[in-house]
Amino acid sequence: MRLMWKPSGKGVPVRHHENHQPLPDRKRRFLGGTCGTAFHLPALRRTSGESGTRPEVRAVGEPHTSSAAATAVFTW
């Protein structure tokens, strides 16, 4: 799976982007990070028979503060 996104354009400096997979127990599985605007997931794991997975992307700034998550839906 390839995730792609556009920068917000709000002029806030972005250090990198982090990609996570939310889990049913409200935890998140770290999938990886990138300084670019695309990320390749070689193998997304299905959890607990879920019908869809919603990967999250968050922008991380210089003081290591995170933006709200942008999501996509992958239907199994």
PDB file of N, CA and C in Angstrom:
ATOM      1  N   MET A   1       0.842  -1.164   0.000  1.00  0.00           N
ATOM      2  CA  MET A   1       0.000   0.000   0.000  1.00  0.00           C
ATOM      3  C   MET A   1       0.891   1.232   0.000  1.00  0.00           C
ATOM      4  N   ARG A   2       0.514   2.208  -0.776  1.00  0.00           N
ATOM      5  CA  ARG A   2       1.247   3.468  -0.812  1.00  0.00           C
ATOM      6  C   ARG A   2       0.325   4.570  -0.308  1.00  0.00           C
ATOM      7  N   LEU A   3       0.769   5.270   0.715  1.00  0.00           N
ATOM      8  CA  LEU A   3       0.043   6.414   1.251  1.00  0.00           C
ATOM      9  C   LEU A   3       0.688   7.683   0.704  1.00  0.00           C
ATOM     10  N   MET A   4      -0.126   8.613   0.235  1.00  0.00           N
ATOM     11  CA  MET A   4       0.378   9.903  -0.242  1.00  0.00           C
ATOM     12  C   MET A   4      -0.506  11.001   0.333  1.00  0.00           C
ATOM     13  N   TRP A   5       0.072  12.166   0.582  1.00  0.00           N
ATOM     14  CA  TRP A   5      -0.676  13.284   1.122  1.00  0.00           C
ATOM     15  C   TRP A   5      -0.056  14.576   0.636  1.00  0.00           C
ATOM     16  N   LYS A   6      -0.823  15.662   0.777  1.00  0.00           N
ATOM     17  CA  LYS A   6      -0.357  16.998   0.407  1.00  0.00           C
ATOM     18  C   LYS A   6      -0.078  17.775   1.690  1.00  0.00           C
ATOM     19  N   PRO A   7       0.996  18.587   1.699  1.00  0.00           N
ATOM     20  CA  PRO A   7       1.252  19.425   2.875  1.00  0.00           C
ATOM     21  C   PRO A   7       0.087  20.379   3.108  1.00  0.00           C
ATOM     22  N   SER A   8      -0.127  20.772   4.342  1.00  0.00           N
ATOM     23  CA  SER A   8      -1.264  21.635   4.677  1.00  0.00           C
ATOM     24  C   SER A   8      -1.146  23.022   4.066  1.00  0.00           C
ATOM     25  N   GLY A   9       0.077  23.485   3.827  1.00  0.00           N
ATOM     26  CA  GLY A   9       0.264  24.813   3.259  1.00  0.00           C
ATOM     27  C   GLY A   9       0.048  25.942   4.246  1.00  0.00           C
ATOM     28  N   LYS A  10      -0.015  25.617   5.523  1.00  0.00           N
ATOM     29  CA  LYS A  10      -0.251  26.635   6.548  1.00  0.00           C
ATOM     30  C   LYS A  10       1.037  27.295   7.024  1.00  0.00           C
ATOM     31  N   GLY A  11       2.159  26.985   6.412  1.00  0.00           N
ATOM     32  CA  GLY A  11       3.419  27.623   6.756  1.00  0.00           C
ATOM     33  C   GLY A  11       4.078  27.106   8.012  1.00  0.00           C
ATOM     34  N   VAL A  12       3.548  26.035   8.588  1.00  0.00           N
ATOM     35  CA  VAL A  12       4.138  25.465   9.798  1.00  0.00           C
ATOM     36  C   VAL A  12       5.246  24.503   9.373  1.00  0.00           C
ATOM     37  N   PRO A  13       6.489  24.694   9.865  1.00  0.00           N
ATOM     38  CA  PRO A  13       7.574  23.791   9.478  1.00  0.00           C
ATOM     39  C   PRO A  13       7.323  22.359   9.961  1.00  0.00           C
ATOM     40  N   VAL A  14       7.453  21.417   9.060  1.00  0.00           N
ATOM     41  CA  VAL A  14       7.256  20.005   9.383  1.00  0.00           C
ATOM     42  C   VAL A  14       8.619  19.324   9.403  1.00  0.00           C
ATOM     43  N   ARG A  15       8.918  18.651  10.487  1.00  0.00           N
ATOM     44  CA  ARG A  15      10.185  17.920  10.630  1.00  0.00           C
ATOM     45  C   ARG A  15      10.108  16.582   9.901  1.00  0.00           C
ATOM     46  N   HIS A  16       9.003  15.844  10.139  1.00  0.00           N
ATOM     47  CA  HIS A  16       8.774  14.559   9.477  1.00  0.00           C
ATOM     48  C   HIS A  16       7.314  14.159   9.652  1.00  0.00           C
ATOM     49  N   HIS A  17       6.931  13.061   9.037  1.00  0.00           N
ATOM     50  CA  HIS A  17       5.574  12.516   9.176  1.00  0.00           C
ATOM     51  C   HIS A  17       5.679  11.129   9.787  1.00  0.00           C
ATOM     52  N   GLU A  18       4.746  10.813  10.688  1.00  0.00           N
ATOM     53  CA  GLU A  18       4.701   9.484  11.300  1.00  0.00           C
ATOM     54  C   GLU A  18       3.429   8.778  10.877  1.00  0.00           C
ATOM     55  N   ASN A  19       3.549   7.489  10.605  1.00  0.00           N
ATOM     56  CA  ASN A  19       2.436   6.662  10.152  1.00  0.00           C
ATOM     57  C   ASN A  19       2.156   5.594  11.198  1.00  0.00           C
ATOM     58  N   HIS A  20       0.892   5.485  11.606  1.00  0.00           N
ATOM     59  CA  HIS A  20       0.470   4.519  12.621  1.00  0.00           C
ATOM     60  C   HIS A  20      -0.773   3.773  12.155  1.00  0.00           C
ATOM     61  N   GLN A  21      -0.990   2.620  12.757  1.00  0.00           N
ATOM     62  CA  GLN A  21      -2.209   1.857  12.550  1.00  0.00           C
ATOM     63  C   GLN A  21      -2.929   1.780  13.888  1.00  0.00           C
ATOM     64  N   PRO A  22      -4.132   2.371  14.000  1.00  0.00           N
ATOM     65  CA  PRO A  22      -4.884   2.255  15.252  1.00  0.00           C
ATOM     66  C   PRO A  22      -5.301   0.803  15.483  1.00  0.00           C
ATOM     67  N   LEU A  23      -5.243   0.364  16.728  1.00  0.00           N
ATOM     68  CA  LEU A  23      -5.606  -1.006  17.094  1.00  0.00           C
ATOM     69  C   LEU A  23      -6.900  -0.997  17.900  1.00  0.00           C
ATOM     70  N   PRO A  24      -7.604  -2.117  17.954  1.00  0.00           N
ATOM     71  CA  PRO A  24      -8.882  -2.171  18.689  1.00  0.00           C
ATOM     72  C   PRO A  24      -8.775  -1.800  20.173  1.00  0.00           C
ATOM     73  N   ASP A  25      -7.611  -2.008  20.799  1.00  0.00           N
ATOM     74  CA  ASP A  25      -7.457  -1.681  22.224  1.00  0.00           C
ATOM     75  C   ASP A  25      -7.073  -0.218  22.462  1.00  0.00           C
ATOM     76  N   ARG A  26      -7.255   0.625  21.438  1.00  0.00           N
ATOM     77  CA  ARG A  26      -6.974   2.063  21.469  1.00  0.00           C
ATOM     78  C   ARG A  26      -5.482   2.396  21.434  1.00  0.00           C
ATOM     79  N   LYS A  27      -4.624   1.414  21.288  1.00  0.00           N
ATOM     80  CA  LYS A  27      -3.197   1.662  21.095  1.00  0.00           C
ATOM     81  C   LYS A  27      -2.959   1.880  19.611  1.00  0.00           C
ATOM     82  N   ARG A  28      -1.721   2.247  19.261  1.00  0.00           N
ATOM     83  CA  ARG A  28      -1.367   2.444  17.854  1.00  0.00           C
ATOM     84  C   ARG A  28      -0.096   1.670  17.542  1.00  0.00           C
ATOM     85  N   ARG A  29      -0.065   1.039  16.381  1.00  0.00           N
ATOM     86  CA  ARG A  29       1.123   0.331  15.903  1.00  0.00           C
ATOM     87  C   ARG A  29       1.894   1.299  15.002  1.00  0.00           C
ATOM     88  N   PHE A  30       3.180   1.536  15.330  1.00  0.00           N
ATOM     89  CA  PHE A  30       4.021   2.417  14.517  1.00  0.00           C
ATOM     90  C   PHE A  30       4.370   1.696  13.216  1.00  0.00           C
ATOM     91  N   LEU A  31       4.078   2.338  12.084  1.00  0.00           N
ATOM     92  CA  LEU A  31       4.348   1.743  10.774  1.00  0.00           C
ATOM     93  C   LEU A  31       5.615   2.303  10.137  1.00  0.00           C
ATOM     94  N   GLY A  32       5.997   3.508  10.538  1.00  0.00           N
ATOM     95  CA  GLY A  32       7.206   4.107   9.992  1.00  0.00           C
ATOM     96  C   GLY A  32       7.076   5.613   9.897  1.00  0.00           C
ATOM     97  N   GLY A  33       8.149   6.248   9.448  1.00  0.00           N
ATOM     98  CA  GLY A  33       8.167   7.693   9.307  1.00  0.00           C
ATOM     99  C   GLY A  33       8.877   8.093   8.021  1.00  0.00           C
ATOM    100  N   THR A  34       8.650   9.332   7.604  1.00  0.00           N
ATOM    101  CA  THR A  34       9.277   9.830   6.387  1.00  0.00           C
ATOM    102  C   THR A  34       9.362  11.351   6.436  1.00  0.00           C
ATOM    103  N   CYS A  35      10.336  11.903   5.744  1.00  0.00           N
ATOM    104  CA  CYS A  35      10.440  13.364   5.601  1.00  0.00           C
ATOM    105  C   CYS A  35       9.699  13.825   4.349  1.00  0.00           C
ATOM    106  N   GLY A  36       9.223  12.887   3.546  1.00  0.00           N
ATOM    107  CA  GLY A  36       8.524  13.212   2.308  1.00  0.00           C
ATOM    108  C   GLY A  36       7.020  13.256   2.482  1.00  0.00           C
ATOM    109  N   THR A  37       6.317  13.155   1.350  1.00  0.00           N
ATOM    110  CA  THR A  37       4.854  13.204   1.364  1.00  0.00           C
ATOM    111  C   THR A  37       4.254  11.917   0.808  1.00  0.00           C
ATOM    112  N   ALA A  38       4.995  10.823   0.933  1.00  0.00           N
ATOM    113  CA  ALA A  38       4.486   9.512   0.530  1.00  0.00           C
ATOM    114  C   ALA A  38       5.176   8.459   1.393  1.00  0.00           C
ATOM    115  N   PHE A  39       4.489   7.332   1.582  1.00  0.00           N
ATOM    116  CA  PHE A  39       5.041   6.258   2.397  1.00  0.00           C
ATOM    117  C   PHE A  39       4.544   4.931   1.853  1.00  0.00           C
ATOM    118  N   HIS A  40       5.444   3.980   1.698  1.00  0.00           N
ATOM    119  CA  HIS A  40       5.097   2.649   1.195  1.00  0.00           C
ATOM    120  C   HIS A  40       5.001   1.683   2.363  1.00  0.00           C
ATOM    121  N   LEU A  41       3.856   1.005   2.462  1.00  0.00           N
ATOM    122  CA  LEU A  41       3.655  -0.028   3.480  1.00  0.00           C
ATOM    123  C   LEU A  41       3.787  -1.380   2.794  1.00  0.00           C
ATOM    124  N   PRO A  42       4.892  -2.087   2.992  1.00  0.00           N
ATOM    125  CA  PRO A  42       5.059  -3.366   2.301  1.00  0.00           C
ATOM    126  C   PRO A  42       4.077  -4.438   2.766  1.00  0.00           C
ATOM    127  N   ALA A  43       3.607  -4.353   4.017  1.00  0.00           N
ATOM    128  CA  ALA A  43       2.672  -5.364   4.528  1.00  0.00           C
ATOM    129  C   ALA A  43       1.858  -4.765   5.671  1.00  0.00           C
ATOM    130  N   LEU A  44       0.605  -4.460   5.404  1.00  0.00           N
ATOM    131  CA  LEU A  44      -0.294  -3.975   6.441  1.00  0.00           C
ATOM    132  C   LEU A  44      -0.939  -5.192   7.084  1.00  0.00           C
ATOM    133  N   ARG A  45      -0.889  -5.270   8.404  1.00  0.00           N
ATOM    134  CA  ARG A  45      -1.430  -6.438   9.116  1.00  0.00           C
ATOM    135  C   ARG A  45      -2.865  -6.191   9.549  1.00  0.00           C
ATOM    136  N   ARG A  46      -3.711  -7.158   9.276  1.00  0.00           N
ATOM    137  CA  ARG A  46      -5.103  -7.113   9.716  1.00  0.00           C
ATOM    138  C   ARG A  46      -5.146  -7.494  11.194  1.00  0.00           C
ATOM    139  N   THR A  47      -5.971  -6.806  11.964  1.00  0.00           N
ATOM    140  CA  THR A  47      -6.054  -7.045  13.396  1.00  0.00           C
ATOM    141  C   THR A  47      -7.457  -7.497  13.781  1.00  0.00           C
ATOM    142  N   SER A  48      -7.559  -8.611  14.472  1.00  0.00           N
ATOM    143  CA  SER A  48      -8.809  -9.104  15.063  1.00  0.00           C
ATOM    144  C   SER A  48      -9.983  -9.178  14.090  1.00  0.00           C
ATOM    145  N   GLY A  49      -9.745  -9.590  12.869  1.00  0.00           N
ATOM    146  CA  GLY A  49     -10.827  -9.754  11.913  1.00  0.00           C
ATOM    147  C   GLY A  49     -11.526  -8.471  11.510  1.00  0.00           C
ATOM    148  N   GLU A  50     -10.868  -7.332  11.673  1.00  0.00           N
ATOM    149  CA  GLU A  50     -11.492  -6.056  11.329  1.00  0.00           C
ATOM    150  C   GLU A  50     -11.853  -6.006   9.838  1.00  0.00           C
ATOM    151  N   SER A  51     -12.925  -5.323   9.519  1.00  0.00           N
ATOM    152  CA  SER A  51     -13.363  -5.236   8.123  1.00  0.00           C
ATOM    153  C   SER A  51     -12.598  -4.162   7.359  1.00  0.00           C
ATOM    154  N   GLY A  52     -12.003  -3.232   8.086  1.00  0.00           N
ATOM    155  CA  GLY A  52     -11.215  -2.179   7.447  1.00  0.00           C
ATOM    156  C   GLY A  52     -10.156  -1.669   8.393  1.00  0.00           C
ATOM    157  N   THR A  53      -9.070  -1.190   7.832  1.00  0.00           N
ATOM    158  CA  THR A  53      -7.980  -0.614   8.611  1.00  0.00           C
ATOM    159  C   THR A  53      -7.851   0.841   8.206  1.00  0.00           C
ATOM    160  N   ARG A  54      -7.603   1.709   9.173  1.00  0.00           N
ATOM    161  CA  ARG A  54      -7.552   3.143   8.930  1.00  0.00           C
ATOM    162  C   ARG A  54      -6.160   3.684   9.295  1.00  0.00           C
ATOM    163  N   PRO A  55      -5.168   3.552   8.388  1.00  0.00           N
ATOM    164  CA  PRO A  55      -3.840   4.100   8.687  1.00  0.00           C
ATOM    165  C   PRO A  55      -3.915   5.606   8.942  1.00  0.00           C
ATOM    166  N   GLU A  56      -3.085   6.086   9.857  1.00  0.00           N
ATOM    167  CA  GLU A  56      -3.035   7.502  10.216  1.00  0.00           C
ATOM    168  C   GLU A  56      -1.696   8.101   9.826  1.00  0.00           C
ATOM    169  N   VAL A  57      -1.717   9.351   9.404  1.00  0.00           N
ATOM    170  CA  VAL A  57      -0.500  10.122   9.124  1.00  0.00           C
ATOM    171  C   VAL A  57      -0.568  11.389   9.963  1.00  0.00           C
ATOM    172  N   ARG A  58       0.514  11.692  10.656  1.00  0.00           N
ATOM    173  CA  ARG A  58       0.596  12.913  11.465  1.00  0.00           C
ATOM    174  C   ARG A  58       1.868  13.662  11.105  1.00  0.00           C
ATOM    175  N   ALA A  59       1.761  14.966  10.976  1.00  0.00           N
ATOM    176  CA  ALA A  59       2.931  15.820  10.774  1.00  0.00           C
ATOM    177  C   ALA A  59       3.537  16.097  12.144  1.00  0.00           C
ATOM    178  N   VAL A  60       4.858  16.037  12.218  1.00  0.00           N
ATOM    179  CA  VAL A  60       5.576  16.303  13.470  1.00  0.00           C
ATOM    180  C   VAL A  60       6.485  17.504  13.237  1.00  0.00           C
ATOM    181  N   GLY A  61       6.349  18.533  14.083  1.00  0.00           N
ATOM    182  CA  GLY A  61       7.136  19.750  13.945  1.00  0.00           C
ATOM    183  C   GLY A  61       8.452  19.671  14.700  1.00  0.00           C
ATOM    184  N   GLU A  62       9.223  20.747  14.613  1.00  0.00           N
ATOM    185  CA  GLU A  62      10.537  20.805  15.273  1.00  0.00           C
ATOM    186  C   GLU A  62      10.467  20.595  16.786  1.00  0.00           C
ATOM    187  N   PRO A  63       9.482  21.155  17.497  1.00  0.00           N
ATOM    188  CA  PRO A  63       9.443  20.881  18.939  1.00  0.00           C
ATOM    189  C   PRO A  63       8.801  19.526  19.253  1.00  0.00           C
ATOM    190  N   HIS A  64       8.677  18.665  18.236  1.00  0.00           N
ATOM    191  CA  HIS A  64       8.108  17.314  18.356  1.00  0.00           C
ATOM    192  C   HIS A  64       6.637  17.324  18.765  1.00  0.00           C
ATOM    193  N   THR A  65       5.923  18.345  18.330  1.00  0.00           N
ATOM    194  CA  THR A  65       4.477  18.367  18.511  1.00  0.00           C
ATOM    195  C   THR A  65       3.843  17.757  17.273  1.00  0.00           C
ATOM    196  N   SER A  66       2.741  17.049  17.446  1.00  0.00           N
ATOM    197  CA  SER A  66       2.081  16.350  16.340  1.00  0.00           C
ATOM    198  C   SER A  66       0.791  17.046  15.945  1.00  0.00           C
ATOM    199  N   SER A  67       0.476  16.938  14.668  1.00  0.00           N
ATOM    200  CA  SER A  67      -0.797  17.461  14.161  1.00  0.00           C
ATOM    201  C   SER A  67      -1.889  16.433  14.458  1.00  0.00           C
ATOM    202  N   ALA A  68      -3.108  16.811  14.153  1.00  0.00           N
ATOM    203  CA  ALA A  68      -4.204  15.846  14.174  1.00  0.00           C
ATOM    204  C   ALA A  68      -3.949  14.817  13.075  1.00  0.00           C
ATOM    205  N   ALA A  69      -4.495  13.654  13.220  1.00  0.00           N
ATOM    206  CA  ALA A  69      -4.259  12.585  12.243  1.00  0.00           C
ATOM    207  C   ALA A  69      -5.113  12.766  10.991  1.00  0.00           C
ATOM    208  N   ALA A  70      -4.487  12.515   9.853  1.00  0.00           N
ATOM    209  CA  ALA A  70      -5.215  12.372   8.590  1.00  0.00           C
ATOM    210  C   ALA A  70      -5.319  10.872   8.358  1.00  0.00           C
ATOM    211  N   THR A  71      -6.486  10.393   7.920  1.00  0.00           N
ATOM    212  CA  THR A  71      -6.685   8.962   7.795  1.00  0.00           C
ATOM    213  C   THR A  71      -7.137   8.563   6.399  1.00  0.00           C
ATOM    214  N   ALA A  72      -6.960   7.317   6.116  1.00  0.00           N
ATOM    215  CA  ALA A  72      -7.453   6.685   4.900  1.00  0.00           C
ATOM    216  C   ALA A  72      -8.061   5.349   5.339  1.00  0.00           C
ATOM    217  N   VAL A  73      -8.896   4.746   4.512  1.00  0.00           N
ATOM    218  CA  VAL A  73      -9.500   3.481   4.876  1.00  0.00           C
ATOM    219  C   VAL A  73      -9.084   2.421   3.866  1.00  0.00           C
ATOM    220  N   PHE A  74      -8.582   1.300   4.372  1.00  0.00           N
ATOM    221  CA  PHE A  74      -8.274   0.138   3.546  1.00  0.00           C
ATOM    222  C   PHE A  74      -9.263  -0.943   3.935  1.00  0.00           C
ATOM    223  N   THR A  75     -10.121  -1.355   2.995  1.00  0.00           N
ATOM    224  CA  THR A  75     -11.126  -2.378   3.247  1.00  0.00           C
ATOM    225  C   THR A  75     -10.544  -3.741   2.907  1.00  0.00           C
ATOM    226  N   TRP A  76     -10.664  -4.684   3.848  1.00  0.00           N
ATOM    227  CA  TRP A  76     -10.118  -6.022   3.624  1.00  0.00           C
ATOM    228  C   TRP A  76     -11.009  -6.833   2.731  1.00  0.00           C
TER     229      TRP A  76
END
